[in-house]
């Protein structure tokens, strides 16, 4: 059961209202997309959900499937960007055409939040260019992870599952192992990624290797190996990849998988150090107190 604020409750009590679904997509690289399934743009004074670009469920209505207990809820929605105009995209993710970016994995691992806003029917006119202000507060009706993206040359169909989907992982919460059970910068590790971020510019690159203009080791482990790179400009903006290897002499970073687009000289990115989950690496970060491994527990096959 969800509670609502007095202003929204008063509007609902009139029996003369309309509701608008708002979609917030948070990509793995940190970029955020906001769309309104309405004929007008919506604003809460801080964020804006636009209605003049990507269309929500024009031909197929969004579908939510809720279950009782711990069963996973799902949400399916079709998103349709505006058609190309003279061969040029009208909607973008970063600087890349919307469908092109989605096809290349822009929404892989992204989070989806669907909330509902309420207005008098019809809402007060005229609606300002900044968007119709909310009546009361929006109500979150779904939140989860985008698990599937099926795209065509005109639209993308998204299937999301709520956060309980992580409970389907068939592993215990803690493993007794020599290496740390935490991931660098996660809540268990306790370190802040922002404190170790290194801003660099591409000097030369291929789809799998980038060489920055400045070659210095990062703080912490002193290496980018097993770390990650997130682009902050160019066609790969907001995309991230894990670093497979790093050459401390040339500065070359080799990615585990190629970038969707060829990085260009001058593109900016953030590099984050890597961690091999050993006690030694944890000490280099000055974080031994949060080391999550058990290196002194004997292996089962040798215990007596």
C-alpha atoms as a PDB file:
ATOM      1  CA  UNK A   1       0.000   0.000   0.000  1.00  0.00           C
ATOM      2  CA  UNK A   2       1.420   3.366  -1.030  1.00  0.00           C
ATOM      3  CA  UNK A   3       0.701   6.621   0.761  1.00  0.00           C
ATOM      4  CA  UNK A   4       0.151   9.887  -1.086  1.00  0.00           C
ATOM      5  CA  UNK A   5       0.553  13.495  -0.057  1.00  0.00           C
ATOM      6  CA  UNK A   6      -2.456  15.682   0.924  1.00  0.00           C
ATOM      7  CA  UNK A   7      -2.410  17.727  -2.301  1.00  0.00           C
ATOM      8  CA  UNK A   8      -2.642  14.621  -4.478  1.00  0.00           C
ATOM      9  CA  UNK A   9      -5.286  13.104  -2.191  1.00  0.00           C
ATOM     10  CA  UNK A  10      -7.399  16.254  -2.468  1.00  0.00           C
ATOM     11  CA  UNK A  11      -7.199  16.125  -6.271  1.00  0.00           C
ATOM     12  CA  UNK A  12      -8.170  12.435  -6.380  1.00  0.00           C
ATOM     13  CA  UNK A  13     -11.135  13.114  -4.081  1.00  0.00           C
ATOM     14  CA  UNK A  14     -12.598  15.472  -6.707  1.00  0.00           C
ATOM     15  CA  UNK A  15     -12.954  12.551  -9.121  1.00  0.00           C
ATOM     16  CA  UNK A  16     -11.923  14.842 -11.967  1.00  0.00           C
ATOM     17  CA  UNK A  17      -8.274  14.133 -12.693  1.00  0.00           C
ATOM     18  CA  UNK A  18      -5.869  12.582 -15.186  1.00  0.00           C
ATOM     19  CA  UNK A  19      -2.674  10.637 -14.602  1.00  0.00           C
ATOM     20  CA  UNK A  20       0.630  10.715 -16.466  1.00  0.00           C
ATOM     21  CA  UNK A  21       3.359   8.057 -16.345  1.00  0.00           C
ATOM     22  CA  UNK A  22       6.918   9.343 -16.098  1.00  0.00           C
ATOM     23  CA  UNK A  23       9.910   7.226 -17.169  1.00  0.00           C
ATOM     24  CA  UNK A  24      13.364   7.727 -15.661  1.00  0.00           C
ATOM     25  CA  UNK A  25      16.187   5.606 -17.104  1.00  0.00           C
ATOM     26  CA  UNK A  26      19.556   5.675 -15.331  1.00  0.00           C
ATOM     27  CA  UNK A  27      22.311   4.219 -17.502  1.00  0.00           C
ATOM     28  CA  UNK A  28      25.311   2.343 -16.116  1.00  0.00           C
ATOM     29  CA  UNK A  29      27.619   5.206 -17.012  1.00  0.00           C
ATOM     30  CA  UNK A  30      25.517   7.603 -14.936  1.00  0.00           C
ATOM     31  CA  UNK A  31      23.543   9.311 -17.710  1.00  0.00           C
ATOM     32  CA  UNK A  32      19.824   9.844 -17.054  1.00  0.00           C
ATOM     33  CA  UNK A  33      16.971   9.906 -19.588  1.00  0.00           C
ATOM     34  CA  UNK A  34      13.519  11.246 -18.655  1.00  0.00           C
ATOM     35  CA  UNK A  35      10.358  10.869 -20.761  1.00  0.00           C
ATOM     36  CA  UNK A  36       6.689  11.622 -20.141  1.00  0.00           C
ATOM     37  CA  UNK A  37       3.913   9.463 -21.585  1.00  0.00           C
ATOM     38  CA  UNK A  38       1.738  12.521 -22.142  1.00  0.00           C
ATOM     39  CA  UNK A  39       0.940  15.316 -24.565  1.00  0.00           C
ATOM     40  CA  UNK A  40       2.826  17.820 -22.420  1.00  0.00           C
ATOM     41  CA  UNK A  41       6.148  18.078 -20.630  1.00  0.00           C
ATOM     42  CA  UNK A  42       6.211  17.503 -16.856  1.00  0.00           C
ATOM     43  CA  UNK A  43       8.430  19.150 -14.246  1.00  0.00           C
ATOM     44  CA  UNK A  44       8.866  18.767 -10.496  1.00  0.00           C
ATOM     45  CA  UNK A  45      10.954  21.924 -10.274  1.00  0.00           C
ATOM     46  CA  UNK A  46      14.212  19.952 -10.342  1.00  0.00           C
ATOM     47  CA  UNK A  47      13.849  17.422 -13.168  1.00  0.00           C
ATOM     48  CA  UNK A  48      11.964  17.563 -16.466  1.00  0.00           C
ATOM     49  CA  UNK A  49      10.243  14.673 -18.251  1.00  0.00           C
ATOM     50  CA  UNK A  50       9.846  15.614 -21.908  1.00  0.00           C
ATOM     51  CA  UNK A  51       7.000  14.590 -24.190  1.00  0.00           C
ATOM     52  CA  UNK A  52       8.185  16.206 -27.430  1.00  0.00           C
ATOM     53  CA  UNK A  53      10.712  13.543 -28.367  1.00  0.00           C
ATOM     54  CA  UNK A  54      10.664   9.798 -27.768  1.00  0.00           C
ATOM     55  CA  UNK A  55       7.076   8.505 -27.711  1.00  0.00           C
ATOM     56  CA  UNK A  56       5.959   6.014 -25.076  1.00  0.00           C
ATOM     57  CA  UNK A  57       3.757   3.106 -26.137  1.00  0.00           C
ATOM     58  CA  UNK A  58       2.134   4.821 -29.102  1.00  0.00           C
ATOM     59  CA  UNK A  59       1.076   1.547 -30.733  1.00  0.00           C
ATOM     60  CA  UNK A  60       1.422  -0.826 -27.767  1.00  0.00           C
ATOM     61  CA  UNK A  61       0.347   0.261 -24.290  1.00  0.00           C
ATOM     62  CA  UNK A  62       2.903  -0.293 -21.513  1.00  0.00           C
ATOM     63  CA  UNK A  63       2.172  -3.365 -19.421  1.00  0.00           C
ATOM     64  CA  UNK A  64       2.927  -3.905 -15.762  1.00  0.00           C
ATOM     65  CA  UNK A  65       2.691  -7.368 -14.232  1.00  0.00           C
ATOM     66  CA  UNK A  66       2.616  -7.482 -10.437  1.00  0.00           C
ATOM     67  CA  UNK A  67       2.743 -10.634  -8.317  1.00  0.00           C
ATOM     68  CA  UNK A  68       2.297 -11.363  -4.637  1.00  0.00           C
ATOM     69  CA  UNK A  69       5.075 -12.538  -2.360  1.00  0.00           C
ATOM     70  CA  UNK A  70       8.665 -12.473  -3.558  1.00  0.00           C
ATOM     71  CA  UNK A  71       7.892 -13.214  -7.200  1.00  0.00           C
ATOM     72  CA  UNK A  72       9.485 -10.698  -9.554  1.00  0.00           C
ATOM     73  CA  UNK A  73       7.289  -7.965 -11.072  1.00  0.00           C
ATOM     74  CA  UNK A  74       7.824  -6.951 -14.694  1.00  0.00           C
ATOM     75  CA  UNK A  75       7.247  -3.870 -16.816  1.00  0.00           C
ATOM     76  CA  UNK A  76       7.189  -3.816 -20.604  1.00  0.00           C
ATOM     77  CA  UNK A  77       7.138  -0.678 -22.694  1.00  0.00           C
ATOM     78  CA  UNK A  78       7.716   0.289 -26.319  1.00  0.00           C
ATOM     79  CA  UNK A  79       9.646   3.494 -27.006  1.00  0.00           C
ATOM     80  CA  UNK A  80       9.577   5.133 -30.419  1.00  0.00           C
ATOM     81  CA  UNK A  81      11.949   7.974 -31.313  1.00  0.00           C
ATOM     82  CA  UNK A  82      10.938  10.513 -33.912  1.00  0.00           C
ATOM     83  CA  UNK A  83      11.627   9.462 -37.534  1.00  0.00           C
ATOM     84  CA  UNK A  84      14.833  10.507 -39.232  1.00  0.00           C
ATOM     85  CA  UNK A  85      14.632  13.897 -40.902  1.00  0.00           C
ATOM     86  CA  UNK A  86      16.716  14.075 -44.076  1.00  0.00           C
ATOM     87  CA  UNK A  87      18.599  11.054 -42.766  1.00  0.00           C
ATOM     88  CA  UNK A  88      19.402  12.728 -39.422  1.00  0.00           C
ATOM     89  CA  UNK A  89      18.140  11.472 -36.054  1.00  0.00           C
ATOM     90  CA  UNK A  90      15.866  13.785 -34.066  1.00  0.00           C
ATOM     91  CA  UNK A  91      16.318  12.124 -30.674  1.00  0.00           C
ATOM     92  CA  UNK A  92      19.662  11.340 -29.090  1.00  0.00           C
ATOM     93  CA  UNK A  93      21.381   9.599 -26.215  1.00  0.00           C
ATOM     94  CA  UNK A  94      24.379  11.824 -25.685  1.00  0.00           C
ATOM     95  CA  UNK A  95      25.464  12.754 -29.200  1.00  0.00           C
ATOM     96  CA  UNK A  96      24.354   9.491 -30.833  1.00  0.00           C
ATOM     97  CA  UNK A  97      20.995   8.855 -32.486  1.00  0.00           C
ATOM     98  CA  UNK A  98      18.564   7.257 -30.022  1.00  0.00           C
ATOM     99  CA  UNK A  99      17.978   3.936 -31.775  1.00  0.00           C
ATOM    100  CA  UNK A 100      21.619   3.645 -32.835  1.00  0.00           C
ATOM    101  CA  UNK A 101      22.733   4.097 -29.222  1.00  0.00           C
ATOM    102  CA  UNK A 102      20.169   1.600 -27.914  1.00  0.00           C
ATOM    103  CA  UNK A 103      21.189  -0.974 -30.515  1.00  0.00           C
ATOM    104  CA  UNK A 104      24.816  -0.554 -29.444  1.00  0.00           C
ATOM    105  CA  UNK A 105      24.020  -1.239 -25.783  1.00  0.00           C
ATOM    106  CA  UNK A 106      23.330   2.165 -24.242  1.00  0.00           C
ATOM    107  CA  UNK A 107      20.573   0.682 -22.048  1.00  0.00           C
ATOM    108  CA  UNK A 108      22.400  -2.512 -21.067  1.00  0.00           C
ATOM    109  CA  UNK A 109      22.184  -2.860 -17.287  1.00  0.00           C
ATOM    110  CA  UNK A 110      20.234   0.396 -16.950  1.00  0.00           C
ATOM    111  CA  UNK A 111      17.722   1.052 -14.184  1.00  0.00           C
ATOM    112  CA  UNK A 112      14.099   1.947 -14.934  1.00  0.00           C
ATOM    113  CA  UNK A 113      11.762   3.885 -12.668  1.00  0.00           C
ATOM    114  CA  UNK A 114       8.127   4.441 -13.620  1.00  0.00           C
ATOM    115  CA  UNK A 115       6.269   7.018 -11.549  1.00  0.00           C
ATOM    116  CA  UNK A 116       2.817   8.506 -11.848  1.00  0.00           C
ATOM    117  CA  UNK A 117       1.820  12.166 -11.660  1.00  0.00           C
ATOM    118  CA  UNK A 118      -1.724  13.486 -11.310  1.00  0.00           C
ATOM    119  CA  UNK A 119      -3.339  16.582 -12.782  1.00  0.00           C
ATOM    120  CA  UNK A 120      -6.759  18.170 -12.979  1.00  0.00           C
ATOM    121  CA  UNK A 121      -8.471  17.106 -16.207  1.00  0.00           C
ATOM    122  CA  UNK A 122      -7.403  18.904 -18.314  1.00  0.00           C
ATOM    123  CA  UNK A 123      -4.313  20.427 -16.609  1.00  0.00           C
ATOM    124  CA  UNK A 124      -4.137  24.168 -16.042  1.00  0.00           C
ATOM    125  CA  UNK A 125      -3.424  26.043 -19.280  1.00  0.00           C
ATOM    126  CA  UNK A 126      -1.210  27.377 -20.687  1.00  0.00           C
ATOM    127  CA  UNK A 127       1.524  24.902 -19.815  1.00  0.00           C
ATOM    128  CA  UNK A 128       4.874  26.720 -19.435  1.00  0.00           C
ATOM    129  CA  UNK A 129       7.787  25.706 -21.700  1.00  0.00           C
ATOM    130  CA  UNK A 130       9.576  24.295 -18.656  1.00  0.00           C
ATOM    131  CA  UNK A 131       6.752  21.760 -18.170  1.00  0.00           C
ATOM    132  CA  UNK A 132       3.531  21.422 -16.184  1.00  0.00           C
ATOM    133  CA  UNK A 133       4.363  21.572 -12.446  1.00  0.00           C
ATOM    134  CA  UNK A 134       3.347  18.527 -10.422  1.00  0.00           C
ATOM    135  CA  UNK A 135       0.280  18.526  -8.237  1.00  0.00           C
ATOM    136  CA  UNK A 136       1.665  17.125  -4.994  1.00  0.00           C
ATOM    137  CA  UNK A 137       4.307  14.431  -5.421  1.00  0.00           C
ATOM    138  CA  UNK A 138       4.686  11.706  -8.020  1.00  0.00           C
ATOM    139  CA  UNK A 139       4.062   8.103  -6.944  1.00  0.00           C
ATOM    140  CA  UNK A 140       6.603   5.436  -7.920  1.00  0.00           C
ATOM    141  CA  UNK A 141       4.737   2.412  -9.320  1.00  0.00           C
ATOM    142  CA  UNK A 142       7.692   0.403 -10.627  1.00  0.00           C
ATOM    143  CA  UNK A 143      11.464   0.337 -10.170  1.00  0.00           C
ATOM    144  CA  UNK A 144      13.913  -2.240 -11.430  1.00  0.00           C
ATOM    145  CA  UNK A 145      16.514  -3.253 -13.982  1.00  0.00           C
ATOM    146  CA  UNK A 146      16.167  -3.347 -17.765  1.00  0.00           C
ATOM    147  CA  UNK A 147      16.770  -6.994 -18.652  1.00  0.00           C
ATOM    148  CA  UNK A 148      15.899  -7.140 -22.363  1.00  0.00           C
ATOM    149  CA  UNK A 149      16.005  -4.640 -25.226  1.00  0.00           C
ATOM    150  CA  UNK A 150      14.476  -5.675 -28.566  1.00  0.00           C
ATOM    151  CA  UNK A 151      14.903  -3.030 -31.259  1.00  0.00           C
ATOM    152  CA  UNK A 152      13.803  -2.575 -34.855  1.00  0.00           C
ATOM    153  CA  UNK A 153      14.531   0.209 -37.327  1.00  0.00           C
ATOM    154  CA  UNK A 154      11.680   2.214 -35.768  1.00  0.00           C
ATOM    155  CA  UNK A 155      11.316   1.355 -32.070  1.00  0.00           C
ATOM    156  CA  UNK A 156      12.718  -0.405 -29.028  1.00  0.00           C
ATOM    157  CA  UNK A 157      10.773  -2.734 -26.747  1.00  0.00           C
ATOM    158  CA  UNK A 158      12.087  -2.761 -23.172  1.00  0.00           C
ATOM    159  CA  UNK A 159      11.439  -5.448 -20.562  1.00  0.00           C
ATOM    160  CA  UNK A 160      12.355  -4.610 -16.977  1.00  0.00           C
ATOM    161  CA  UNK A 161      12.211  -6.667 -13.792  1.00  0.00           C
ATOM    162  CA  UNK A 162      12.027  -5.245 -10.303  1.00  0.00           C
ATOM    163  CA  UNK A 163      15.039  -5.348  -7.999  1.00  0.00           C
ATOM    164  CA  UNK A 164      14.000  -8.651  -6.458  1.00  0.00           C
ATOM    165  CA  UNK A 165      15.428 -10.268  -9.574  1.00  0.00           C
ATOM    166  CA  UNK A 166      18.828 -10.155  -7.853  1.00  0.00           C
ATOM    167  CA  UNK A 167      17.454 -12.676  -5.325  1.00  0.00           C
ATOM    168  CA  UNK A 168      17.385 -15.256  -8.130  1.00  0.00           C
ATOM    169  CA  UNK A 169      21.170 -15.501  -8.096  1.00  0.00           C
ATOM    170  CA  UNK A 170      21.990 -18.990  -6.892  1.00  0.00           C
ATOM    171  CA  UNK A 171      24.830 -18.133  -4.539  1.00  0.00           C
ATOM    172  CA  UNK A 172      25.047 -17.557  -0.787  1.00  0.00           C
ATOM    173  CA  UNK A 173      25.387 -13.947   0.406  1.00  0.00           C
ATOM    174  CA  UNK A 174      28.941 -14.477   1.674  1.00  0.00           C
ATOM    175  CA  UNK A 175      31.624 -16.826   0.432  1.00  0.00           C
ATOM    176  CA  UNK A 176      34.636 -17.916   2.476  1.00  0.00           C
ATOM    177  CA  UNK A 177      37.403 -17.286  -0.031  1.00  0.00           C
ATOM    178  CA  UNK A 178      40.877 -15.859  -0.071  1.00  0.00           C
ATOM    179  CA  UNK A 179      39.946 -12.934  -2.324  1.00  0.00           C
ATOM    180  CA  UNK A 180      37.754 -10.054  -1.204  1.00  0.00           C
ATOM    181  CA  UNK A 181      34.022 -10.649  -1.697  1.00  0.00           C
ATOM    182  CA  UNK A 182      33.380  -6.958  -2.323  1.00  0.00           C
ATOM    183  CA  UNK A 183      33.709  -5.005  -5.553  1.00  0.00           C
ATOM    184  CA  UNK A 184      35.879  -1.918  -5.560  1.00  0.00           C
ATOM    185  CA  UNK A 185      33.813   1.168  -4.604  1.00  0.00           C
ATOM    186  CA  UNK A 186      30.666  -0.802  -3.672  1.00  0.00           C
ATOM    187  CA  UNK A 187      29.021  -0.285  -0.232  1.00  0.00           C
ATOM    188  CA  UNK A 188      30.981  -3.177   1.275  1.00  0.00           C
ATOM    189  CA  UNK A 189      34.274  -1.730   0.084  1.00  0.00           C
ATOM    190  CA  UNK A 190      33.306   1.701   1.399  1.00  0.00           C
ATOM    191  CA  UNK A 191      35.604   3.735  -0.864  1.00  0.00           C
ATOM    192  CA  UNK A 192      34.306   6.548  -3.087  1.00  0.00           C
ATOM    193  CA  UNK A 193      34.892   6.168  -6.818  1.00  0.00           C
ATOM    194  CA  UNK A 194      34.880   9.954  -7.260  1.00  0.00           C
ATOM    195  CA  UNK A 195      37.893  10.247  -4.955  1.00  0.00           C
ATOM    196  CA  UNK A 196      39.961   8.047  -7.300  1.00  0.00           C
ATOM    197  CA  UNK A 197      38.645   9.234 -10.686  1.00  0.00           C
ATOM    198  CA  UNK A 198      41.324  10.378 -13.144  1.00  0.00           C
ATOM    199  CA  UNK A 199      40.288  12.721 -15.967  1.00  0.00           C
ATOM    200  CA  UNK A 200      42.082  12.124 -19.248  1.00  0.00           C
ATOM    201  CA  UNK A 201      41.866  13.020 -22.950  1.00  0.00           C
ATOM    202  CA  UNK A 202      42.364  10.602 -25.846  1.00  0.00           C
ATOM    203  CA  UNK A 203      45.656  11.095 -27.685  1.00  0.00           C
ATOM    204  CA  UNK A 204      45.203   8.099 -29.997  1.00  0.00           C
ATOM    205  CA  UNK A 205      42.897   5.105 -30.012  1.00  0.00           C
ATOM    206  CA  UNK A 206      41.460   2.054 -31.662  1.00  0.00           C
ATOM    207  CA  UNK A 207      38.170   0.401 -30.772  1.00  0.00           C
ATOM    208  CA  UNK A 208      39.880  -1.679 -28.072  1.00  0.00           C
ATOM    209  CA  UNK A 209      42.888   0.428 -27.023  1.00  0.00           C
ATOM    210  CA  UNK A 210      43.030   4.055 -25.925  1.00  0.00           C
ATOM    211  CA  UNK A 211      46.149   6.078 -25.126  1.00  0.00           C
ATOM    212  CA  UNK A 212      45.637   9.206 -22.999  1.00  0.00           C
ATOM    213  CA  UNK A 213      47.508  12.483 -23.385  1.00  0.00           C
ATOM    214  CA  UNK A 214      48.787  12.224 -19.782  1.00  0.00           C
ATOM    215  CA  UNK A 215      50.455   9.025 -18.587  1.00  0.00           C
ATOM    216  CA  UNK A 216      50.501   8.723 -14.800  1.00  0.00           C
ATOM    217  CA  UNK A 217      49.361   5.885 -12.528  1.00  0.00           C
ATOM    218  CA  UNK A 218      46.144   6.394 -10.567  1.00  0.00           C
ATOM    219  CA  UNK A 219      45.964   6.586  -6.792  1.00  0.00           C
ATOM    220  CA  UNK A 220      45.133   3.437  -4.847  1.00  0.00           C
ATOM    221  CA  UNK A 221      46.440   0.301  -6.523  1.00  0.00           C
ATOM    222  CA  UNK A 222      48.607   2.351  -8.882  1.00  0.00           C
ATOM    223  CA  UNK A 223      47.274   0.604 -11.981  1.00  0.00           C
ATOM    224  CA  UNK A 224      44.281   0.822 -14.303  1.00  0.00           C
ATOM    225  CA  UNK A 225      44.395  -2.947 -14.873  1.00  0.00           C
ATOM    226  CA  UNK A 226      40.998  -4.443 -13.831  1.00  0.00           C
ATOM    227  CA  UNK A 227      39.664  -0.908 -13.481  1.00  0.00           C
ATOM    228  CA  UNK A 228      37.239   0.814 -15.807  1.00  0.00           C
ATOM    229  CA  UNK A 229      36.968   3.721 -18.215  1.00  0.00           C
ATOM    230  CA  UNK A 230      33.884   5.915 -18.699  1.00  0.00           C
ATOM    231  CA  UNK A 231      33.747   8.358 -21.604  1.00  0.00           C
ATOM    232  CA  UNK A 232      32.499  11.851 -20.777  1.00  0.00           C
ATOM    233  CA  UNK A 233      32.296  13.228 -24.323  1.00  0.00           C
ATOM    234  CA  UNK A 234      32.144  12.071 -27.934  1.00  0.00           C
ATOM    235  CA  UNK A 235      30.007   9.312 -29.413  1.00  0.00           C
ATOM    236  CA  UNK A 236      30.911   6.943 -26.576  1.00  0.00           C
ATOM    237  CA  UNK A 237      29.713   9.424 -23.938  1.00  0.00           C
ATOM    238  CA  UNK A 238      28.392   7.543 -20.850  1.00  0.00           C
ATOM    239  CA  UNK A 239      29.611   4.168 -22.160  1.00  0.00           C
ATOM    240  CA  UNK A 240      32.036   2.287 -19.938  1.00  0.00           C
ATOM    241  CA  UNK A 241      34.351  -0.687 -20.370  1.00  0.00           C
ATOM    242  CA  UNK A 242      36.587  -2.741 -18.075  1.00  0.00           C
ATOM    243  CA  UNK A 243      40.337  -2.398 -18.527  1.00  0.00           C
ATOM    244  CA  UNK A 244      42.029  -5.712 -19.350  1.00  0.00           C
ATOM    245  CA  UNK A 245      45.574  -4.392 -19.381  1.00  0.00           C
ATOM    246  CA  UNK A 246      47.477  -1.136 -18.861  1.00  0.00           C
ATOM    247  CA  UNK A 247      50.959  -0.233 -20.051  1.00  0.00           C
ATOM    248  CA  UNK A 248      52.603   2.040 -17.469  1.00  0.00           C
ATOM    249  CA  UNK A 249      55.151   3.247 -20.043  1.00  0.00           C
ATOM    250  CA  UNK A 250      52.916   4.139 -23.002  1.00  0.00           C
ATOM    251  CA  UNK A 251      49.712   4.595 -20.997  1.00  0.00           C
ATOM    252  CA  UNK A 252      47.838   2.299 -23.384  1.00  0.00           C
ATOM    253  CA  UNK A 253      44.646   0.870 -21.885  1.00  0.00           C
ATOM    254  CA  UNK A 254      43.324  -2.321 -23.477  1.00  0.00           C
ATOM    255  CA  UNK A 255      39.617  -2.902 -22.981  1.00  0.00           C
ATOM    256  CA  UNK A 256      37.967  -6.257 -22.301  1.00  0.00           C
ATOM    257  CA  UNK A 257      35.464  -5.522 -25.097  1.00  0.00           C
ATOM    258  CA  UNK A 258      35.499  -2.908 -27.881  1.00  0.00           C
ATOM    259  CA  UNK A 259      33.799   0.474 -27.677  1.00  0.00           C
ATOM    260  CA  UNK A 260      30.559   0.873 -29.661  1.00  0.00           C
ATOM    261  CA  UNK A 261      32.162   3.715 -31.626  1.00  0.00           C
ATOM    262  CA  UNK A 262      35.707   4.563 -32.616  1.00  0.00           C
ATOM    263  CA  UNK A 263      37.104   6.926 -29.911  1.00  0.00           C
ATOM    264  CA  UNK A 264      38.347  10.170 -31.409  1.00  0.00           C
ATOM    265  CA  UNK A 265      41.378  12.262 -30.484  1.00  0.00           C
ATOM    266  CA  UNK A 266      40.202  14.878 -27.997  1.00  0.00           C
ATOM    267  CA  UNK A 267      37.399  12.774 -26.496  1.00  0.00           C
ATOM    268  CA  UNK A 268      37.473  12.984 -22.712  1.00  0.00           C
ATOM    269  CA  UNK A 269      37.087  10.111 -20.281  1.00  0.00           C
ATOM    270  CA  UNK A 270      37.461   9.153 -16.638  1.00  0.00           C
ATOM    271  CA  UNK A 271      39.714   6.280 -15.610  1.00  0.00           C
ATOM    272  CA  UNK A 272      39.336   4.386 -12.351  1.00  0.00           C
ATOM    273  CA  UNK A 273      41.997   2.164 -10.772  1.00  0.00           C
ATOM    274  CA  UNK A 274      41.623  -1.590 -10.601  1.00  0.00           C
ATOM    275  CA  UNK A 275      41.728  -4.015  -7.705  1.00  0.00           C
ATOM    276  CA  UNK A 276      42.676  -7.694  -7.799  1.00  0.00           C
ATOM    277  CA  UNK A 277      40.823  -8.280  -4.496  1.00  0.00           C
ATOM    278  CA  UNK A 278      43.931  -9.259  -2.529  1.00  0.00           C
ATOM    279  CA  UNK A 279      44.982  -7.999   0.898  1.00  0.00           C
ATOM    280  CA  UNK A 280      47.971  -6.310  -0.707  1.00  0.00           C
ATOM    281  CA  UNK A 281      45.756  -4.304  -3.090  1.00  0.00           C
ATOM    282  CA  UNK A 282      43.413  -3.377  -0.250  1.00  0.00           C
ATOM    283  CA  UNK A 283      46.374  -2.041   1.734  1.00  0.00           C
ATOM    284  CA  UNK A 284      47.447   0.086  -1.245  1.00  0.00           C
ATOM    285  CA  UNK A 285      44.035   1.757  -1.127  1.00  0.00           C
ATOM    286  CA  UNK A 286      44.440   2.251   2.645  1.00  0.00           C
ATOM    287  CA  UNK A 287      41.290   0.201   3.137  1.00  0.00           C
ATOM    288  CA  UNK A 288      42.481  -2.945   4.917  1.00  0.00           C
ATOM    289  CA  UNK A 289      39.811  -2.550   7.591  1.00  0.00           C
ATOM    290  CA  UNK A 290      37.131  -3.329   4.970  1.00  0.00           C
ATOM    291  CA  UNK A 291      38.903  -6.279   3.351  1.00  0.00           C
ATOM    292  CA  UNK A 292      36.219  -8.904   2.725  1.00  0.00           C
ATOM    293  CA  UNK A 293      38.337 -11.995   2.132  1.00  0.00           C
ATOM    294  CA  UNK A 294      39.341 -14.900   4.342  1.00  0.00           C
ATOM    295  CA  UNK A 295      42.822 -15.820   3.121  1.00  0.00           C
ATOM    296  CA  UNK A 296      43.707 -17.776   6.259  1.00  0.00           C
ATOM    297  CA  UNK A 297      40.787 -20.209   6.124  1.00  0.00           C
ATOM    298  CA  UNK A 298      42.233 -23.510   4.842  1.00  0.00           C
ATOM    299  CA  UNK A 299      40.802 -24.962   1.629  1.00  0.00           C
ATOM    300  CA  UNK A 300      38.199 -27.660   2.218  1.00  0.00           C
ATOM    301  CA  UNK A 301      40.244 -30.356   0.509  1.00  0.00           C
ATOM    302  CA  UNK A 302      43.210 -29.698   2.836  1.00  0.00           C
ATOM    303  CA  UNK A 303      41.361 -29.185   6.136  1.00  0.00           C
ATOM    304  CA  UNK A 304      41.579 -31.983   8.694  1.00  0.00           C
END
